[in-house]
Amino acid sequence: MEEVVSVIRNQYRKLHTTRSWDFIGLPLTAKRKQKSESDIIVALLDTGVTPQLQSFKDDGFGPPPAKWKGSCDKYANFSGCNNKLIGARYFKIGGRPDPSDILSPIDVVGHGTHTASTAAGNLVPDAMAASGVDRDFRSTIQLGNGKNFSTSAMMHVCSSAFKGGGLSTFNPKQKQYPLVNGTDAARNTGSKENARFCYEDSLDPHKVKGKLVYCSLSGWGSEAVVKGIGGIGSIMESDDVFEIAQIFMAPATIVNSSIGQIITNYTQSTRSPSAVIYKTHEVKIPAPFTASFSSRGPNPASNHILKPDVTAPGLNILASYTPMQSISGEKGDTQFSEFTLMSGTSMSCPHVSGVAAYVKSFHPDWSPAAIRSAIITTAVEPQSHIISCRFLCHEGYNGSTLSVLVGSRVNCTSLLPGVGHDAINYPTMQLRVKNNSGTTVAVFRRRVTNVGPSPTIFNATIKSPKGVEITVKPTSLIFSHTLQKKSFKVVVKAKSMASMKILSVAIIKLVAFIACVLKHMALLVLNVDILIMSRQASNENLSYDLIEASV
């Protein structure tokens, strides 16, 4: 089709790495600066922390850094701080309080403990046994007629994710168990439709006791209903694709409708149907992917800032957890563990925070802007608040609004206009193309700093989609010494395109000649992503997650 700028094949893949930190380039063998690391403080604003866990033990740690001015007050149910966990405070904000909460930094939810242990927790031996970042876990169902079925990934009971435990806690003590379809186990006076979903009070305990029950999945908790009336376990049928590990309150696994139909036919054609669920086994499937619930952009807040620009592992992350909350979080769940799998932007954020702390240990004088630039494999000059205000004025904000934000008077008309199309020296570039009205032209200006060795020469290589012309001037940047600054500009000419949902990406790489250094210094590779999109491109199907503050 003429209106299609480019088509990039979308592939569904899973991470293939023992630990999420290996994947993002920080294995146990990574270079360390222990002296400066001991002076790095990571602060998190979250649901609290569980200080007694192994992730927060202070064995081998010296006293807190001299610059530490915080405190660790005494609170209810809170065991206190140590030389690893050096401070904790509780803040109460308006609104209706959660009746389960404790007025203390103690974590009764588990979220804060999980993120804190990811960002700055200790290495805990054997805690990576069932990490969902690196592997695909499946369990096998065997019917009494000998047919075997492998379930989809990450859909099993998850209460043994420590010291080698499998994701499925179903431990068969016999070769086969009686199998019954939920509709065949309905109460005599009950609804077969409710029994098909194994709803509460829909099944006859006498027909379920000691058996595996086949149910259709409509909500969580049906497996607990089966176990509560004497069932051995559940086989749940659903065609939904579950990227996130499903944590059941009782032994269960999930099959698709095709397998479900085979199971139904088997139970209806056999006088004494039986089945068994075996423990999970590991299947290695390489390659990373972005979870379906993760936003791919464009940025709804600004036409000039490309988002997302940083991503990190956030799917099925194994980390510490509070023993004050069941691992499913559901009422009636009796499964408790010091570790669990969680997913979301909240799990990605502490990975990036940990990386920032690592970079800070090597460059204590770097600003947050410089560290951010390093993380996305580029380097930009740290922005002052004046430059930030200038950008916000360029975005259409007025001086009175900005004055509230910065705490001093801001007059947009008195500020010099920003240089370039987006008026900011940012690692990424974004251009919204005019709709059916000629060619859109934009000039992006950037100033970069060489933080690697010298002399170094960077040459630009460009890959752009059809209908977009991109030039970089100059095509080479020559740095004679470290911390030397150079400027370049990127000129983009894009033909008009009809309103559509398709987005195309152009990539410019400035690659240094010093290949031996590239191996150790990520800052020598400058990746500039330019997002080209129709002015009326759709923002449908964007998903967002709460991002906690990492200070």
Protein backbone atom coordinates (compact mmCIF):
# COMPACT_ATOMS: atom_id res chain seq x y z
CA MET A 1 0.00 0.00 0.00
CA GLU A 2 1.29 3.44 -0.91
CA GLU A 3 0.31 4.96 2.44
CA VAL A 4 2.43 2.47 4.41
CA VAL A 5 5.78 4.01 5.29
CA SER A 6 7.45 0.82 6.50
CA VAL A 7 6.56 -2.54 7.98
CA ILE A 8 8.66 -4.06 10.74
CA ARG A 9 7.99 -7.65 11.65
CA ASN A 10 6.76 -8.05 15.24
CA GLN A 11 8.11 -11.17 16.93
CA TYR A 12 6.93 -12.65 20.21
CA ARG A 13 9.99 -13.69 22.20
CA LYS A 14 11.09 -14.35 25.73
CA LEU A 15 14.22 -13.42 27.62
CA HIS A 16 17.03 -15.96 27.74
CA THR A 17 19.27 -15.16 30.67
CA THR A 18 19.86 -16.59 34.11
CA ARG A 19 19.19 -13.30 35.83
CA SER A 20 17.65 -10.01 34.74
CA TRP A 21 20.87 -8.24 35.75
CA ASP A 22 22.83 -10.43 33.31
CA PHE A 23 20.46 -9.36 30.57
CA ILE A 24 21.01 -5.65 31.13
CA GLY A 25 24.79 -6.08 31.25
CA LEU A 26 25.56 -6.31 34.97
CA PRO A 27 26.55 -9.93 35.68
CA LEU A 28 28.23 -11.00 38.92
CA THR A 29 31.58 -10.61 37.14
CA ALA A 30 30.96 -6.94 36.30
CA LYS A 31 33.65 -4.46 37.27
CA ARG A 32 33.04 -2.98 40.72
CA LYS A 33 34.29 0.02 42.69
CA GLN A 34 33.59 -1.13 46.22
CA LYS A 35 34.87 2.02 47.91
CA SER A 36 32.67 4.43 45.98
CA GLU A 37 29.76 1.96 45.93
CA SER A 38 29.64 2.07 49.71
CA ASP A 39 28.90 5.78 49.44
CA ILE A 40 25.88 5.37 47.15
CA ILE A 41 22.44 5.74 48.75
CA VAL A 42 19.32 4.46 46.97
CA ALA A 43 15.98 5.77 48.25
CA LEU A 44 12.56 4.43 47.32
CA LEU A 45 9.09 5.82 47.91
CA ASP A 46 6.85 2.76 48.03
CA THR A 47 4.63 0.58 50.23
CA GLY A 48 7.39 -0.12 52.76
CA VAL A 49 10.09 -2.72 53.33
CA THR A 50 10.66 -5.98 55.22
CA PRO A 51 13.99 -5.41 57.02
CA GLN A 52 14.50 -8.95 58.36
CA LEU A 53 14.83 -10.53 54.90
CA GLN A 54 18.17 -11.76 53.56
CA SER A 55 18.13 -9.08 50.85
CA PHE A 56 18.62 -6.43 53.54
CA LYS A 57 21.12 -8.11 55.88
CA ASP A 58 24.15 -5.95 56.67
CA ASP A 59 26.83 -8.64 56.92
CA GLY A 60 30.11 -7.11 55.77
CA PHE A 61 28.76 -3.57 55.57
CA GLY A 62 30.43 -0.67 57.34
CA PRO A 63 28.61 2.30 58.89
CA PRO A 64 26.36 4.52 56.75
CA PRO A 65 28.09 7.21 54.65
CA ALA A 66 29.02 10.37 56.53
CA LYS A 67 26.76 12.37 54.22
CA TRP A 68 23.69 10.44 55.41
CA LYS A 69 21.33 12.80 57.25
CA GLY A 70 18.25 10.61 57.39
CA SER A 71 16.70 8.74 60.28
CA CYS A 72 15.20 5.41 61.22
CA ASP A 73 12.55 5.96 63.85
CA LYS A 74 10.90 3.28 65.96
CA TYR A 75 7.64 2.00 64.56
CA ALA A 76 5.15 -0.74 65.30
CA ASN A 77 6.04 -4.15 63.84
CA PHE A 78 9.25 -2.70 62.39
CA SER A 79 12.48 -4.39 63.47
CA GLY A 80 14.60 -1.35 62.66
CA CYS A 81 17.48 -0.46 60.38
CA ASN A 82 21.08 -1.64 60.04
CA ASN A 83 24.18 -0.80 58.02
CA LYS A 84 22.46 -2.01 54.83
CA LEU A 85 18.99 -0.56 55.37
CA ILE A 86 20.08 2.78 56.80
CA GLY A 87 16.79 4.67 57.03
CA ALA A 88 13.03 4.29 56.96
CA ARG A 89 10.16 6.74 57.36
CA TYR A 90 6.38 6.46 57.21
CA PHE A 91 4.26 9.09 55.45
CA LYS A 92 0.49 9.30 55.61
CA ILE A 93 -1.33 11.21 52.90
CA GLY A 94 -4.99 12.19 52.91
CA GLY A 95 -7.76 9.88 51.84
CA ARG A 96 -9.34 6.81 53.33
CA PRO A 97 -6.69 4.67 55.02
CA ASP A 98 -6.32 1.00 54.16
CA PRO A 99 -7.57 -0.92 57.23
CA SER A 100 -4.85 -3.55 56.69
CA ASP A 101 -2.06 -0.98 56.74
CA ILE A 102 0.18 -0.43 59.74
CA LEU A 103 1.38 3.08 60.61
CA SER A 104 4.96 2.03 60.05
CA PRO A 105 7.50 1.51 57.23
CA ILE A 106 6.81 -2.23 57.50
CA ASP A 107 5.54 -3.58 54.19
CA VAL A 108 2.20 -5.38 54.41
CA VAL A 109 1.63 -5.33 50.64
CA GLY A 110 4.91 -6.69 49.26
CA HIS A 111 5.37 -4.20 46.44
CA GLY A 112 7.95 -2.01 48.20
CA THR A 113 9.98 -4.99 49.43
CA HIS A 114 10.07 -6.37 45.89
CA THR A 115 11.25 -3.13 44.28
CA ALA A 116 13.78 -2.32 47.02
CA SER A 117 15.42 -5.74 46.81
CA THR A 118 15.61 -5.43 43.02
CA ALA A 119 17.23 -1.99 43.05
CA ALA A 120 19.71 -2.45 45.89
CA GLY A 121 19.20 -5.79 47.61
CA ASN A 122 21.89 -8.31 48.49
CA LEU A 123 22.65 -11.32 46.35
CA VAL A 124 20.72 -14.21 47.92
CA PRO A 125 22.08 -17.70 47.09
CA ASP A 126 19.67 -20.00 45.21
CA ALA A 127 17.01 -17.29 44.92
CA MET A 128 17.20 -17.35 41.12
CA ALA A 129 15.95 -20.92 40.86
CA ALA A 130 12.61 -20.10 39.28
CA SER A 131 13.12 -16.62 37.91
CA GLY A 132 10.61 -15.94 35.18
CA VAL A 133 12.95 -13.63 33.29
CA ASP A 134 15.12 -16.32 31.83
CA ARG A 135 13.03 -19.36 31.15
CA ASP A 136 9.76 -20.75 29.91
CA PHE A 137 8.11 -23.07 32.43
CA ARG A 138 5.61 -25.72 31.43
CA SER A 139 3.88 -28.64 33.04
CA THR A 140 2.56 -31.79 31.44
CA ILE A 141 -0.94 -33.23 31.77
CA GLN A 142 -1.34 -36.92 31.06
CA LEU A 143 -4.80 -38.43 30.55
CA GLY A 144 -5.69 -41.98 31.45
CA ASN A 145 -5.67 -42.94 27.76
CA GLY A 146 -1.98 -42.05 27.54
CA LYS A 147 -2.33 -38.69 25.76
CA ASN A 148 0.05 -35.96 26.98
CA PHE A 149 -0.37 -32.19 26.76
CA SER A 150 2.13 -29.46 27.61
CA THR A 151 0.58 -26.34 29.13
CA SER A 152 1.49 -22.81 28.15
CA ALA A 153 4.28 -20.94 29.91
CA MET A 154 4.08 -19.46 33.38
CA MET A 155 0.61 -20.68 34.39
CA HIS A 156 1.16 -22.66 37.51
CA VAL A 157 1.06 -22.52 41.26
CA CYS A 158 4.00 -20.39 42.28
CA SER A 159 4.67 -20.96 45.96
CA SER A 160 8.04 -22.69 45.69
CA ALA A 161 10.15 -20.20 43.78
CA PHE A 162 13.16 -20.60 46.06
CA LYS A 163 15.97 -23.12 46.44
CA GLY A 164 15.14 -25.09 43.34
CA GLY A 165 11.39 -25.41 43.84
CA GLY A 166 9.28 -25.81 40.74
CA LEU A 167 6.56 -23.37 39.76
CA SER A 168 3.91 -26.07 40.07
CA THR A 169 3.52 -27.40 43.58
CA PHE A 170 1.40 -30.33 42.45
CA ASN A 171 3.39 -33.38 43.55
CA PRO A 172 1.59 -36.51 42.30
CA LYS A 173 1.73 -39.38 44.78
CA GLN A 174 0.09 -41.79 42.36
CA LYS A 175 0.17 -42.39 38.62
CA GLN A 176 -3.37 -41.19 37.92
CA TYR A 177 -6.18 -39.37 39.72
CA PRO A 178 -9.91 -39.55 38.97
CA LEU A 179 -10.91 -36.74 36.60
CA VAL A 180 -14.31 -35.08 36.52
CA ASN A 181 -15.75 -32.29 34.39
CA GLY A 182 -17.18 -29.42 36.42
CA THR A 183 -20.58 -29.76 34.75
CA ASP A 184 -20.72 -33.42 35.79
CA ALA A 185 -19.91 -32.49 39.39
CA ALA A 186 -22.72 -29.96 39.76
CA ARG A 187 -24.99 -30.06 42.77
CA ASN A 188 -28.27 -31.83 42.06
CA THR A 189 -30.18 -28.59 42.61
CA GLY A 190 -27.47 -26.32 41.20
CA SER A 191 -26.70 -24.71 37.86
CA LYS A 192 -24.51 -26.70 35.47
CA GLU A 193 -23.38 -23.40 33.95
CA ASN A 194 -22.02 -22.23 37.31
CA ALA A 195 -20.47 -25.66 37.85
CA ARG A 196 -18.70 -25.37 34.49
CA PHE A 197 -16.77 -22.42 35.95
CA CYS A 198 -16.39 -24.12 39.35
CA TYR A 199 -18.02 -21.22 41.15
CA GLU A 200 -18.41 -21.33 44.91
CA ASP A 201 -21.30 -23.57 46.09
CA SER A 202 -21.81 -24.89 42.54
CA LEU A 203 -20.03 -28.25 42.98
CA ASP A 204 -21.04 -31.35 44.93
CA PRO A 205 -18.23 -32.18 47.41
CA HIS A 206 -19.00 -35.91 47.11
CA LYS A 207 -18.43 -35.77 43.34
CA VAL A 208 -15.20 -33.78 43.68
CA LYS A 209 -13.39 -35.30 46.67
CA GLY A 210 -10.03 -36.84 45.71
CA LYS A 211 -10.37 -35.84 42.04
CA LEU A 212 -8.91 -33.48 39.48
CA VAL A 213 -11.63 -31.12 38.25
CA TYR A 214 -11.78 -29.63 34.75
CA CYS A 215 -13.24 -26.08 34.78
CA SER A 216 -13.59 -23.14 32.43
CA LEU A 217 -11.67 -20.10 33.68
CA SER A 218 -13.77 -17.01 34.28
CA GLY A 219 -12.10 -15.53 37.35
CA TRP A 220 -9.48 -16.32 39.94
CA GLY A 221 -10.29 -18.44 42.97
CA SER A 222 -12.03 -21.42 41.35
CA GLU A 223 -9.03 -23.64 42.09
CA ALA A 224 -9.38 -22.76 45.78
CA VAL A 225 -13.07 -23.72 45.64
CA VAL A 226 -12.10 -27.15 44.29
CA LYS A 227 -9.45 -27.69 46.93
CA GLY A 228 -11.75 -26.43 49.69
CA ILE A 229 -14.28 -29.20 49.08
CA GLY A 230 -11.70 -31.97 48.84
CA GLY A 231 -10.49 -31.83 45.23
CA ILE A 232 -6.88 -32.72 44.38
CA GLY A 233 -6.35 -29.98 41.79
CA SER A 234 -7.83 -28.13 38.81
CA ILE A 235 -7.32 -28.04 35.07
CA MET A 236 -8.54 -24.65 33.85
CA GLU A 237 -9.48 -23.89 30.25
CA SER A 238 -8.84 -20.46 28.73
CA ASP A 239 -7.71 -19.03 25.39
CA ASP A 240 -6.32 -15.88 26.97
CA VAL A 241 -2.57 -15.37 26.54
CA PHE A 242 -0.97 -14.98 29.94
CA GLU A 243 2.42 -13.26 29.82
CA ILE A 244 2.34 -12.72 33.57
CA ALA A 245 2.84 -15.71 35.84
CA GLN A 246 -0.50 -16.82 37.24
CA ILE A 247 -0.38 -17.55 40.95
CA PHE A 248 -3.04 -19.97 42.09
CA MET A 249 -4.14 -20.66 45.64
CA ALA A 250 -4.25 -24.41 45.00
CA PRO A 251 -2.71 -26.85 42.49
CA ALA A 252 -3.85 -25.89 38.98
CA THR A 253 -2.73 -25.40 35.43
CA ILE A 254 -4.26 -23.85 32.31
CA VAL A 255 -4.93 -25.35 28.87
CA ASN A 256 -6.37 -23.78 25.74
CA SER A 257 -9.81 -24.59 24.34
CA SER A 258 -8.46 -27.09 21.81
CA ILE A 259 -6.92 -29.21 24.56
CA GLY A 260 -9.97 -28.52 26.68
CA GLN A 261 -12.25 -30.03 24.03
CA ILE A 262 -10.09 -33.16 23.94
CA ILE A 263 -10.35 -33.44 27.73
CA THR A 264 -14.14 -32.95 27.57
CA ASN A 265 -14.50 -35.62 24.87
CA TYR A 266 -12.37 -37.97 26.96
CA THR A 267 -14.44 -37.49 30.13
CA GLN A 268 -17.68 -38.02 28.20
CA SER A 269 -16.51 -41.17 26.43
CA THR A 270 -14.78 -42.91 29.33
CA ARG A 271 -16.46 -44.64 32.24
CA SER A 272 -13.66 -43.83 34.72
CA PRO A 273 -11.63 -40.90 33.34
CA SER A 274 -8.35 -40.06 35.03
CA ALA A 275 -5.41 -37.69 34.66
CA VAL A 276 -2.27 -36.44 36.36
CA ILE A 277 -0.45 -33.08 36.37
CA TYR A 278 3.32 -33.35 36.57
CA LYS A 279 5.66 -30.76 38.03
CA THR A 280 6.90 -28.00 35.80
CA HIS A 281 9.89 -28.47 33.56
CA GLU A 282 12.11 -25.83 32.02
CA VAL A 283 12.02 -24.91 28.34
CA LYS A 284 14.63 -22.41 27.12
CA ILE A 285 13.29 -20.02 24.49
CA PRO A 286 15.75 -17.20 23.72
CA ALA A 287 15.21 -13.55 22.76
CA PRO A 288 13.77 -10.50 24.59
CA PHE A 289 10.42 -8.89 23.91
CA THR A 290 8.31 -6.01 25.15
CA ALA A 291 5.31 -7.15 27.14
CA SER A 292 1.91 -6.46 25.61
CA PHE A 293 0.89 -4.32 28.61
CA SER A 294 3.93 -2.05 28.19
CA SER A 295 3.36 1.24 26.38
CA ARG A 296 5.05 1.62 23.00
CA GLY A 297 4.21 5.30 22.62
CA PRO A 298 3.73 7.84 21.20
CA ASN A 299 4.14 10.29 24.04
CA PRO A 300 0.70 11.85 24.75
CA ALA A 301 2.23 14.70 26.77
CA SER A 302 4.63 16.09 24.18
CA ASN A 303 5.13 15.93 20.42
CA HIS A 304 8.86 16.48 20.81
CA ILE A 305 9.99 13.95 23.42
CA LEU A 306 10.14 10.34 22.32
CA LYS A 307 8.74 7.87 24.83
CA PRO A 308 9.52 5.20 25.81
CA ASP A 309 13.27 5.77 25.59
CA VAL A 310 14.44 3.45 28.37
CA THR A 311 13.20 -0.05 29.08
CA ALA A 312 14.29 -2.83 31.41
CA PRO A 313 13.13 -6.30 32.50
CA GLY A 314 9.73 -6.11 34.16
CA LEU A 315 7.97 -9.38 33.35
CA ASN A 316 7.87 -12.14 35.97
CA ILE A 317 10.68 -10.73 38.10
CA LEU A 318 11.68 -12.83 41.11
CA ALA A 319 12.57 -10.72 44.15
CA SER A 320 11.97 -10.48 47.89
CA TYR A 321 8.45 -10.34 49.28
CA THR A 322 6.75 -9.70 52.59
CA PRO A 323 5.63 -12.66 54.72
CA MET A 324 2.68 -10.52 55.85
CA GLN A 325 0.87 -10.95 52.53
CA SER A 326 0.00 -14.13 50.65
CA ILE A 327 1.74 -14.46 47.31
CA SER A 328 -1.53 -14.18 45.39
CA GLY A 329 -2.87 -11.36 47.54
CA GLU A 330 -6.25 -13.07 47.52
CA LYS A 331 -8.37 -13.59 50.61
CA GLY A 332 -8.08 -17.13 51.91
CA ASP A 333 -4.71 -17.84 50.31
CA THR A 334 -2.42 -19.66 52.76
CA GLN A 335 0.72 -19.51 50.59
CA PHE A 336 3.46 -17.29 52.01
CA SER A 337 7.02 -16.88 50.79
CA GLU A 338 10.02 -14.57 51.14
CA PHE A 339 10.20 -14.42 47.34
CA THR A 340 7.65 -14.11 44.56
CA LEU A 341 7.24 -13.15 40.91
CA MET A 342 5.78 -9.76 40.04
CA SER A 343 5.35 -7.91 36.75
CA GLY A 344 4.89 -4.34 35.58
CA THR A 345 6.61 -1.02 35.05
CA SER A 346 7.14 -1.08 38.81
CA MET A 347 9.54 -3.99 38.29
CA SER A 348 11.40 -2.25 35.44
CA CYS A 349 11.90 0.98 37.39
CA PRO A 350 14.14 -0.51 40.14
CA HIS A 351 16.30 -2.21 37.50
CA VAL A 352 17.00 1.20 35.98
CA SER A 353 17.52 2.66 39.47
CA GLY A 354 20.09 -0.03 40.21
CA VAL A 355 21.87 0.69 36.94
CA ALA A 356 21.88 4.41 37.77
CA ALA A 357 23.46 3.65 41.15
CA TYR A 358 26.11 1.52 39.42
CA VAL A 359 26.96 4.30 36.95
CA LYS A 360 27.03 6.81 39.82
CA SER A 361 29.61 4.69 41.65
CA PHE A 362 32.05 5.19 38.76
CA HIS A 363 31.12 8.83 38.15
CA PRO A 364 30.11 10.42 41.48
CA ASP A 365 30.12 13.90 39.93
CA TRP A 366 27.65 13.09 37.17
CA SER A 367 24.23 14.73 37.26
CA PRO A 368 20.99 12.73 36.92
CA ALA A 369 20.74 13.95 33.31
CA ALA A 370 24.21 12.63 32.50
CA ILE A 371 23.45 9.28 34.12
CA ARG A 372 20.19 9.03 32.21
CA SER A 373 22.02 9.72 28.98
CA ALA A 374 24.56 7.04 29.80
CA ILE A 375 21.79 4.54 30.40
CA ILE A 376 20.32 5.10 26.95
CA THR A 377 23.81 4.81 25.42
CA THR A 378 24.45 8.44 24.64
CA ALA A 379 25.73 11.54 26.37
CA VAL A 380 24.12 14.97 26.59
CA GLU A 381 25.09 18.12 28.37
CA PRO A 382 23.33 18.32 31.77
CA GLN A 383 20.31 20.59 31.50
CA SER A 384 19.88 23.57 33.79
CA HIS A 385 16.42 24.55 35.01
CA ILE A 386 16.52 27.50 32.59
CA ILE A 387 16.88 25.15 29.63
CA SER A 388 14.08 23.00 30.97
CA CYS A 389 11.84 26.04 31.39
CA ARG A 390 12.68 27.13 27.87
CA PHE A 391 11.59 23.76 26.56
CA LEU A 392 8.33 23.88 28.55
CA CYS A 393 7.63 27.37 27.24
CA HIS A 394 8.22 25.97 23.75
CA GLU A 395 5.65 23.26 24.57
CA GLY A 396 3.02 25.92 25.32
CA TYR A 397 3.10 26.20 29.11
CA ASN A 398 2.75 29.74 30.51
CA GLY A 399 5.03 31.50 32.95
CA SER A 400 2.61 31.46 35.89
CA THR A 401 2.30 27.67 35.74
CA LEU A 402 6.06 27.19 35.50
CA SER A 403 6.64 29.61 38.38
CA VAL A 404 4.71 27.26 40.66
CA LEU A 405 6.89 24.35 39.55
CA VAL A 406 10.32 26.00 39.92
CA GLY A 407 9.55 28.21 42.91
CA SER A 408 10.61 31.44 41.21
CA ARG A 409 9.23 33.79 38.60
CA VAL A 410 9.38 32.59 35.00
CA ASN A 411 8.69 34.84 32.01
CA CYS A 412 8.54 32.81 28.81
CA THR A 413 8.78 35.89 26.58
CA SER A 414 12.12 36.92 28.13
CA LEU A 415 13.78 33.53 27.55
CA LEU A 416 15.82 32.99 24.44
CA PRO A 417 14.06 30.50 22.15
CA GLY A 418 15.42 26.99 22.23
CA VAL A 419 17.66 25.82 19.42
CA GLY A 420 16.30 23.35 16.91
CA HIS A 421 12.90 21.82 16.28
CA ASP A 422 12.35 20.58 19.83
CA ALA A 423 14.32 23.27 21.70
CA ILE A 424 16.06 20.77 23.97
CA ASN A 425 19.30 18.80 23.96
CA TYR A 426 17.74 15.38 24.44
CA PRO A 427 19.03 11.90 23.51
CA THR A 428 16.02 11.10 21.30
CA MET A 429 14.14 12.99 18.61
CA GLN A 430 10.47 12.94 17.65
CA LEU A 431 8.76 14.56 14.68
CA ARG A 432 5.04 14.69 13.96
CA VAL A 433 4.48 14.77 10.21
CA LYS A 434 1.92 17.06 8.60
CA ASN A 435 -1.15 15.34 7.26
CA ASN A 436 -1.62 15.70 3.47
CA SER A 437 0.03 19.12 3.29
CA GLY A 438 3.40 18.88 1.63
CA THR A 439 6.75 18.03 3.17
CA THR A 440 7.56 18.41 6.85
CA VAL A 441 11.08 19.67 7.55
CA ALA A 442 12.72 19.75 10.96
CA VAL A 443 16.24 20.46 12.18
CA PHE A 444 17.33 18.86 15.45
CA ARG A 445 20.45 20.26 17.11
CA ARG A 446 22.42 18.27 19.65
CA ARG A 447 25.56 18.84 21.70
CA VAL A 448 27.41 15.79 23.02
CA THR A 449 30.33 15.20 25.37
CA ASN A 450 32.99 12.55 24.93
CA VAL A 451 33.28 10.65 28.21
CA GLY A 452 35.39 7.88 26.72
CA PRO A 453 39.07 7.71 25.78
CA SER A 454 40.62 9.92 23.14
CA PRO A 455 41.32 10.50 20.36
CA THR A 456 38.04 9.09 19.08
CA ILE A 457 36.21 9.50 15.78
CA PHE A 458 32.46 8.88 15.43
CA ASN A 459 30.95 8.29 11.98
CA ALA A 460 27.22 8.51 11.34
CA THR A 461 25.27 5.70 9.66
CA ILE A 462 21.61 6.25 8.82
CA LYS A 463 18.69 3.89 8.29
CA SER A 464 15.45 5.63 7.42
CA PRO A 465 12.05 4.47 6.14
CA LYS A 466 10.62 5.16 2.71
CA GLY A 467 9.44 8.73 2.29
CA VAL A 468 11.80 10.15 4.90
CA GLU A 469 15.12 11.80 4.10
CA ILE A 470 17.61 12.20 6.95
CA THR A 471 21.01 13.87 6.89
CA VAL A 472 23.53 14.38 9.68
CA LYS A 473 25.93 17.35 9.63
CA PRO A 474 28.78 16.85 10.13
CA THR A 475 28.89 13.16 9.30
CA SER A 476 31.88 12.67 11.61
CA LEU A 477 32.71 13.89 15.10
CA ILE A 478 36.39 13.97 16.01
CA PHE A 479 37.25 14.16 19.72
CA SER A 480 40.85 14.91 20.62
CA HIS A 481 40.39 14.67 24.39
CA THR A 482 38.03 13.42 27.07
CA LEU A 483 35.12 15.71 28.08
CA GLN A 484 35.45 17.60 24.81
CA LYS A 485 32.09 18.86 23.49
CA LYS A 486 30.91 18.74 19.90
CA SER A 487 27.70 19.80 18.17
CA PHE A 488 25.86 18.27 15.25
CA LYS A 489 22.48 18.63 13.60
CA VAL A 490 20.02 16.20 12.10
CA VAL A 491 17.86 17.41 9.21
CA VAL A 492 14.67 15.43 8.61
CA LYS A 493 12.45 15.82 5.54
CA ALA A 494 9.29 13.71 5.57
CA LYS A 495 6.65 13.54 2.87
CA SER A 496 3.03 13.93 3.89
CA MET A 497 1.16 10.82 4.88
CA ALA A 498 -2.46 10.01 5.52
CA SER A 499 -3.70 9.67 9.08
CA MET A 500 -2.92 6.16 10.21
CA LYS A 501 -1.85 4.13 13.19
CA ILE A 502 1.45 3.02 11.67
CA LEU A 503 4.58 4.51 13.17
CA SER A 504 8.02 4.27 11.60
CA VAL A 505 11.38 4.59 13.25
CA ALA A 506 14.63 5.86 11.81
CA ILE A 507 17.88 5.02 13.52
CA ILE A 508 21.09 6.99 13.39
CA LYS A 509 24.22 5.47 14.88
CA LEU A 510 27.41 7.33 15.56
CA VAL A 511 29.94 4.55 15.97
CA ALA A 512 33.49 5.08 17.16
CA PHE A 513 36.51 3.61 15.41
CA ILE A 514 37.87 2.27 18.71
CA ALA A 515 36.16 -1.11 18.69
CA CYS A 516 38.18 -2.46 21.60
CA VAL A 517 36.82 0.30 23.80
CA LEU A 518 33.22 -0.18 22.71
CA LYS A 519 33.25 -3.47 24.53
CA HIS A 520 33.71 -1.69 27.84
CA MET A 521 32.30 1.79 27.34
CA ALA A 522 28.69 1.92 26.21
CA LEU A 523 28.84 5.71 26.07
CA LEU A 524 30.88 5.52 22.87
CA VAL A 525 27.84 4.40 20.90
CA LEU A 526 25.26 7.09 20.23
CA ASN A 527 21.85 5.79 19.16
CA VAL A 528 19.41 8.46 18.10
CA ASP A 529 15.87 7.26 17.49
CA ILE A 530 13.64 9.48 15.39
CA LEU A 531 9.95 8.69 15.58
CA ILE A 532 8.06 9.72 12.47
CA MET A 533 4.27 9.66 12.69
CA SER A 534 1.14 11.10 11.17
CA ARG A 535 -0.23 14.19 12.87
CA GLN A 536 -3.46 12.33 13.61
CA ALA A 537 -1.86 9.03 14.54
CA SER A 538 -4.04 7.03 16.90
CA ASN A 539 -3.19 6.67 20.57
CA GLU A 540 -5.36 3.59 20.94
CA ASN A 541 -4.31 0.53 22.89
CA LEU A 542 -1.78 2.33 25.02
CA SER A 543 -1.32 0.88 28.48
CA TYR A 544 0.21 2.55 31.47
CA ASP A 545 1.45 1.48 34.86
CA LEU A 546 2.25 3.38 38.00
CA ILE A 547 5.92 4.29 38.16
CA GLU A 548 7.15 4.68 41.68
CA ALA A 549 9.56 7.46 42.58
CA SER A 550 13.19 6.43 42.89
CA VAL A 551 15.08 9.25 44.56
